[in-house]
Amino acid sequence: MKYYSLIQTPFGTAVLSEEDGAIVELSFDAHGCCGMQKETPLLRMAAKQLSEYFSGRRQIFDLPLNPIGTKFQRDVWNALLEIPFGETKSYAQVAAATGRDKAARPVGGAVGKNPIPIIIPCHRVLAANNKIGGFSLGLDMKRKLLKIESILVDN
């Protein structure tokens, strides 16, 4: 069964979803909710950890995750989990981390489809030359997330 909970963040109301004991989605679109609304222990723990992250008291999330995607997407998302708090990687570096040195563009597509942003830190991926690049939740939010981590970008 899929459960979801509405949580308050500095960016507005988010929808946090779990299925079979793992976080599967973090969205800022309440219209896409599916499953049953219920505050499970895992969803409460995830909400607490997100709150701690937003307030600067947490650098590492400790949650079971199961993002739904293709093998390539999951490989990319796993590589994103290896980017430490306060550091960034380029799309080319993430591609290399997946063993696909020439796949920077497809990596960008997979990063953009990350169903658990923030927890899987896609905001830590920058374009070439330290440029901010894109972000599925908007560049303003990406800048604010990078600021939480004291990461400076060129634009």
C-alpha atoms as a PDB file:
ATOM      1  CA  MET A   1       0.000   0.000   0.000  1.00  0.00           C
ATOM      2  CA  LYS A   2       1.213   3.491  -0.816  1.00  0.00           C
ATOM      3  CA  TYR A   3       0.842   6.126   1.903  1.00  0.00           C
ATOM      4  CA  TYR A   4       1.462   9.830   1.754  1.00  0.00           C
ATOM      5  CA  SER A   5       1.704  12.720   4.144  1.00  0.00           C
ATOM      6  CA  LEU A   6       1.534  16.467   3.594  1.00  0.00           C
ATOM      7  CA  ILE A   7       4.449  18.262   5.234  1.00  0.00           C
ATOM      8  CA  GLN A   8       5.251  21.939   5.611  1.00  0.00           C
ATOM      9  CA  THR A   9       8.619  23.106   4.268  1.00  0.00           C
ATOM     10  CA  PRO A  10      10.209  26.518   3.680  1.00  0.00           C
ATOM     11  CA  PHE A  11       9.131  26.030   0.049  1.00  0.00           C
ATOM     12  CA  GLY A  12       5.480  25.300   0.778  1.00  0.00           C
ATOM     13  CA  THR A  13       3.514  22.123   1.295  1.00  0.00           C
ATOM     14  CA  ALA A  14       5.225  18.955   0.087  1.00  0.00           C
ATOM     15  CA  VAL A  15       3.818  15.502  -0.481  1.00  0.00           C
ATOM     16  CA  LEU A  16       5.993  12.748   0.941  1.00  0.00           C
ATOM     17  CA  SER A  17       5.135   9.182  -0.119  1.00  0.00           C
ATOM     18  CA  GLU A  18       6.176   5.748   1.062  1.00  0.00           C
ATOM     19  CA  GLU A  19       5.465   2.295  -0.230  1.00  0.00           C
ATOM     20  CA  ASP A  20       6.491  -1.042   1.280  1.00  0.00           C
ATOM     21  CA  GLY A  21       8.587   0.626   3.987  1.00  0.00           C
ATOM     22  CA  ALA A  22      10.611   2.961   1.754  1.00  0.00           C
ATOM     23  CA  ILE A  23      10.299   6.573   0.631  1.00  0.00           C
ATOM     24  CA  VAL A  24       9.314   6.614  -3.046  1.00  0.00           C
ATOM     25  CA  GLU A  25       8.481  10.259  -3.763  1.00  0.00           C
ATOM     26  CA  LEU A  26       8.798  13.845  -2.600  1.00  0.00           C
ATOM     27  CA  SER A  27       6.693  16.283  -4.581  1.00  0.00           C
ATOM     28  CA  PHE A  28       5.433  19.819  -4.285  1.00  0.00           C
ATOM     29  CA  ASP A  29       2.341  18.972  -6.353  1.00  0.00           C
ATOM     30  CA  ALA A  30      -0.502  17.842  -4.103  1.00  0.00           C
ATOM     31  CA  HIS A  31      -2.697  17.214  -7.158  1.00  0.00           C
ATOM     32  CA  GLY A  32      -0.617  14.149  -8.051  1.00  0.00           C
ATOM     33  CA  CYS A  33      -1.228  12.385  -4.724  1.00  0.00           C
ATOM     34  CA  CYS A  34      -2.118   8.771  -4.910  1.00  0.00           C
ATOM     35  CA  GLY A  35      -2.470   6.219  -2.159  1.00  0.00           C
ATOM     36  CA  MET A  36      -3.874   6.778   1.287  1.00  0.00           C
ATOM     37  CA  GLN A  37      -3.070   9.827   3.397  1.00  0.00           C
ATOM     38  CA  LYS A  38      -1.575   8.542   6.639  1.00  0.00           C
ATOM     39  CA  GLU A  39       1.269   9.642   8.890  1.00  0.00           C
ATOM     40  CA  THR A  40       3.312   6.475   9.219  1.00  0.00           C
ATOM     41  CA  PRO A  41       6.407   6.249  11.440  1.00  0.00           C
ATOM     42  CA  LEU A  42       8.608   6.370   8.332  1.00  0.00           C
ATOM     43  CA  LEU A  43       6.858   9.453   6.945  1.00  0.00           C
ATOM     44  CA  ARG A  44       7.168  11.168  10.349  1.00  0.00           C
ATOM     45  CA  MET A  45      10.882  10.327  10.459  1.00  0.00           C
ATOM     46  CA  ALA A  46      11.381  11.626   6.898  1.00  0.00           C
ATOM     47  CA  ALA A  47       9.517  14.848   7.700  1.00  0.00           C
ATOM     48  CA  LYS A  48      11.679  15.322  10.808  1.00  0.00           C
ATOM     49  CA  GLN A  49      14.885  14.761   8.850  1.00  0.00           C
ATOM     50  CA  LEU A  50      13.789  17.202   6.138  1.00  0.00           C
ATOM     51  CA  SER A  51      13.000  19.808   8.789  1.00  0.00           C
ATOM     52  CA  GLU A  52      16.433  19.288  10.324  1.00  0.00           C
ATOM     53  CA  TYR A  53      18.052  19.646   6.881  1.00  0.00           C
ATOM     54  CA  PHE A  54      16.187  22.885   6.120  1.00  0.00           C
ATOM     55  CA  SER A  55      17.259  24.336   9.477  1.00  0.00           C
ATOM     56  CA  GLY A  56      20.912  23.409   8.875  1.00  0.00           C
ATOM     57  CA  ARG A  57      21.054  20.680  11.546  1.00  0.00           C
ATOM     58  CA  ARG A  58      21.207  17.637   9.233  1.00  0.00           C
ATOM     59  CA  GLN A  59      23.668  16.847   6.463  1.00  0.00           C
ATOM     60  CA  ILE A  60      22.894  13.196   5.765  1.00  0.00           C
ATOM     61  CA  PHE A  61      19.480  11.587   5.361  1.00  0.00           C
ATOM     62  CA  ASP A  62      19.093   8.158   6.922  1.00  0.00           C
ATOM     63  CA  LEU A  63      15.986   6.766   5.278  1.00  0.00           C
ATOM     64  CA  PRO A  64      15.130   3.684   3.234  1.00  0.00           C
ATOM     65  CA  LEU A  65      14.588   4.837  -0.346  1.00  0.00           C
ATOM     66  CA  ASN A  66      13.065   3.117  -3.349  1.00  0.00           C
ATOM     67  CA  PRO A  67      12.744   5.605  -6.214  1.00  0.00           C
ATOM     68  CA  ILE A  68      10.867   4.115  -9.137  1.00  0.00           C
ATOM     69  CA  GLY A  69      12.691   4.367 -12.465  1.00  0.00           C
ATOM     70  CA  THR A  70      14.716   2.566 -15.094  1.00  0.00           C
ATOM     71  CA  LYS A  71      18.012   0.872 -14.245  1.00  0.00           C
ATOM     72  CA  PHE A  72      19.898   3.809 -15.772  1.00  0.00           C
ATOM     73  CA  GLN A  73      17.890   6.329 -13.743  1.00  0.00           C
ATOM     74  CA  ARG A  74      18.438   4.345 -10.541  1.00  0.00           C
ATOM     75  CA  ASP A  75      22.182   4.175 -11.267  1.00  0.00           C
ATOM     76  CA  VAL A  76      22.229   7.968 -11.640  1.00  0.00           C
ATOM     77  CA  TRP A  77      20.183   8.510  -8.476  1.00  0.00           C
ATOM     78  CA  ASN A  78      22.535   6.202  -6.550  1.00  0.00           C
ATOM     79  CA  ALA A  79      25.483   8.259  -7.826  1.00  0.00           C
ATOM     80  CA  LEU A  80      23.743  11.420  -6.565  1.00  0.00           C
ATOM     81  CA  LEU A  81      23.520   9.879  -3.090  1.00  0.00           C
ATOM     82  CA  GLU A  82      27.330   9.718  -3.072  1.00  0.00           C
ATOM     83  CA  ILE A  83      27.718  13.508  -3.460  1.00  0.00           C
ATOM     84  CA  PRO A  84      28.505  14.783   0.043  1.00  0.00           C
ATOM     85  CA  PHE A  85      26.712  17.672   1.713  1.00  0.00           C
ATOM     86  CA  GLY A  86      28.299  20.970   0.673  1.00  0.00           C
ATOM     87  CA  GLU A  87      29.867  19.567  -2.510  1.00  0.00           C
ATOM     88  CA  THR A  88      28.784  19.475  -6.125  1.00  0.00           C
ATOM     89  CA  LYS A  89      29.460  17.395  -9.205  1.00  0.00           C
ATOM     90  CA  SER A  90      28.975  18.148 -12.869  1.00  0.00           C
ATOM     91  CA  TYR A  91      26.706  16.083 -15.096  1.00  0.00           C
ATOM     92  CA  ALA A  92      29.866  14.637 -16.708  1.00  0.00           C
ATOM     93  CA  GLN A  93      31.223  13.615 -13.297  1.00  0.00           C
ATOM     94  CA  VAL A  94      27.949  11.911 -12.418  1.00  0.00           C
ATOM     95  CA  ALA A  95      28.032  10.126 -15.786  1.00  0.00           C
ATOM     96  CA  ALA A  96      31.549   8.908 -15.017  1.00  0.00           C
ATOM     97  CA  ALA A  97      30.423   7.729 -11.580  1.00  0.00           C
ATOM     98  CA  THR A  98      27.850   5.498 -13.284  1.00  0.00           C
ATOM     99  CA  GLY A  99      30.509   4.050 -15.615  1.00  0.00           C
ATOM    100  CA  ARG A 100      29.035   5.867 -18.626  1.00  0.00           C
ATOM    101  CA  ASP A 101      31.626   8.561 -19.327  1.00  0.00           C
ATOM    102  CA  LYS A 102      29.900   9.951 -22.409  1.00  0.00           C
ATOM    103  CA  ALA A 103      26.357  10.041 -21.013  1.00  0.00           C
ATOM    104  CA  ALA A 104      26.270  13.544 -19.494  1.00  0.00           C
ATOM    105  CA  ARG A 105      23.148  14.521 -21.434  1.00  0.00           C
ATOM    106  CA  PRO A 106      21.153  11.379 -20.528  1.00  0.00           C
ATOM    107  CA  VAL A 107      22.343  11.839 -16.931  1.00  0.00           C
ATOM    108  CA  GLY A 108      20.770  15.308 -17.032  1.00  0.00           C
ATOM    109  CA  GLY A 109      17.486  13.718 -18.069  1.00  0.00           C
ATOM    110  CA  ALA A 110      17.669  11.188 -15.241  1.00  0.00           C
ATOM    111  CA  VAL A 111      18.558  13.891 -12.711  1.00  0.00           C
ATOM    112  CA  GLY A 112      15.502  15.850 -13.839  1.00  0.00           C
ATOM    113  CA  LYS A 113      13.258  12.828 -13.259  1.00  0.00           C
ATOM    114  CA  ASN A 114      14.476  12.219  -9.693  1.00  0.00           C
ATOM    115  CA  PRO A 115      11.272  11.390  -7.766  1.00  0.00           C
ATOM    116  CA  ILE A 116      12.827  12.135  -4.350  1.00  0.00           C
ATOM    117  CA  PRO A 117      14.559  15.513  -4.765  1.00  0.00           C
ATOM    118  CA  ILE A 118      16.418  17.015  -1.815  1.00  0.00           C
ATOM    119  CA  ILE A 119      16.753  13.605  -0.107  1.00  0.00           C
ATOM    120  CA  ILE A 120      18.408  12.311  -3.289  1.00  0.00           C
ATOM    121  CA  PRO A 121      20.433  15.495  -3.771  1.00  0.00           C
ATOM    122  CA  CYS A 122      19.963  16.353  -7.434  1.00  0.00           C
ATOM    123  CA  HIS A 123      20.400  20.025  -6.484  1.00  0.00           C
ATOM    124  CA  ARG A 124      24.117  19.265  -6.009  1.00  0.00           C
ATOM    125  CA  VAL A 125      24.585  18.670  -9.748  1.00  0.00           C
ATOM    126  CA  LEU A 126      25.780  21.701 -11.683  1.00  0.00           C
ATOM    127  CA  ALA A 127      26.394  22.392 -15.350  1.00  0.00           C
ATOM    128  CA  ALA A 128      29.869  22.957 -16.725  1.00  0.00           C
ATOM    129  CA  ASN A 129      31.924  25.839 -15.319  1.00  0.00           C
ATOM    130  CA  ASN A 130      30.019  25.856 -12.000  1.00  0.00           C
ATOM    131  CA  LYS A 131      26.828  27.159 -13.657  1.00  0.00           C
ATOM    132  CA  ILE A 132      23.614  26.373 -11.836  1.00  0.00           C
ATOM    133  CA  GLY A 133      22.047  24.346 -14.666  1.00  0.00           C
ATOM    134  CA  GLY A 134      18.429  23.278 -14.300  1.00  0.00           C
ATOM    135  CA  PHE A 135      16.267  21.936 -11.506  1.00  0.00           C
ATOM    136  CA  SER A 136      12.885  20.242 -11.712  1.00  0.00           C
ATOM    137  CA  LEU A 137      11.585  22.269  -8.748  1.00  0.00           C
ATOM    138  CA  GLY A 138      12.812  25.603 -10.100  1.00  0.00           C
ATOM    139  CA  LEU A 139      16.078  27.501  -9.989  1.00  0.00           C
ATOM    140  CA  ASP A 140      15.032  29.659  -7.042  1.00  0.00           C
ATOM    141  CA  MET A 141      14.601  26.552  -4.887  1.00  0.00           C
ATOM    142  CA  LYS A 142      17.908  25.122  -6.165  1.00  0.00           C
ATOM    143  CA  ARG A 143      19.723  28.321  -5.177  1.00  0.00           C
ATOM    144  CA  LYS A 144      18.169  28.185  -1.698  1.00  0.00           C
ATOM    145  CA  LEU A 145      19.087  24.514  -1.243  1.00  0.00           C
ATOM    146  CA  LEU A 146      22.657  25.233  -2.310  1.00  0.00           C
ATOM    147  CA  LYS A 147      22.735  28.151   0.118  1.00  0.00           C
ATOM    148  CA  ILE A 148      21.705  25.815   2.974  1.00  0.00           C
ATOM    149  CA  GLU A 149      24.840  23.844   2.110  1.00  0.00           C
ATOM    150  CA  SER A 150      27.009  26.984   1.700  1.00  0.00           C
ATOM    151  CA  ILE A 151      27.598  26.199  -1.978  1.00  0.00           C
ATOM    152  CA  LEU A 152      28.324  29.193  -4.180  1.00  0.00           C
ATOM    153  CA  VAL A 153      27.419  29.097  -7.864  1.00  0.00           C
ATOM    154  CA  ASP A 154      28.229  31.426 -10.732  1.00  0.00           C
ATOM    155  CA  ASN A 155      24.620  32.267 -11.583  1.00  0.00           C
END
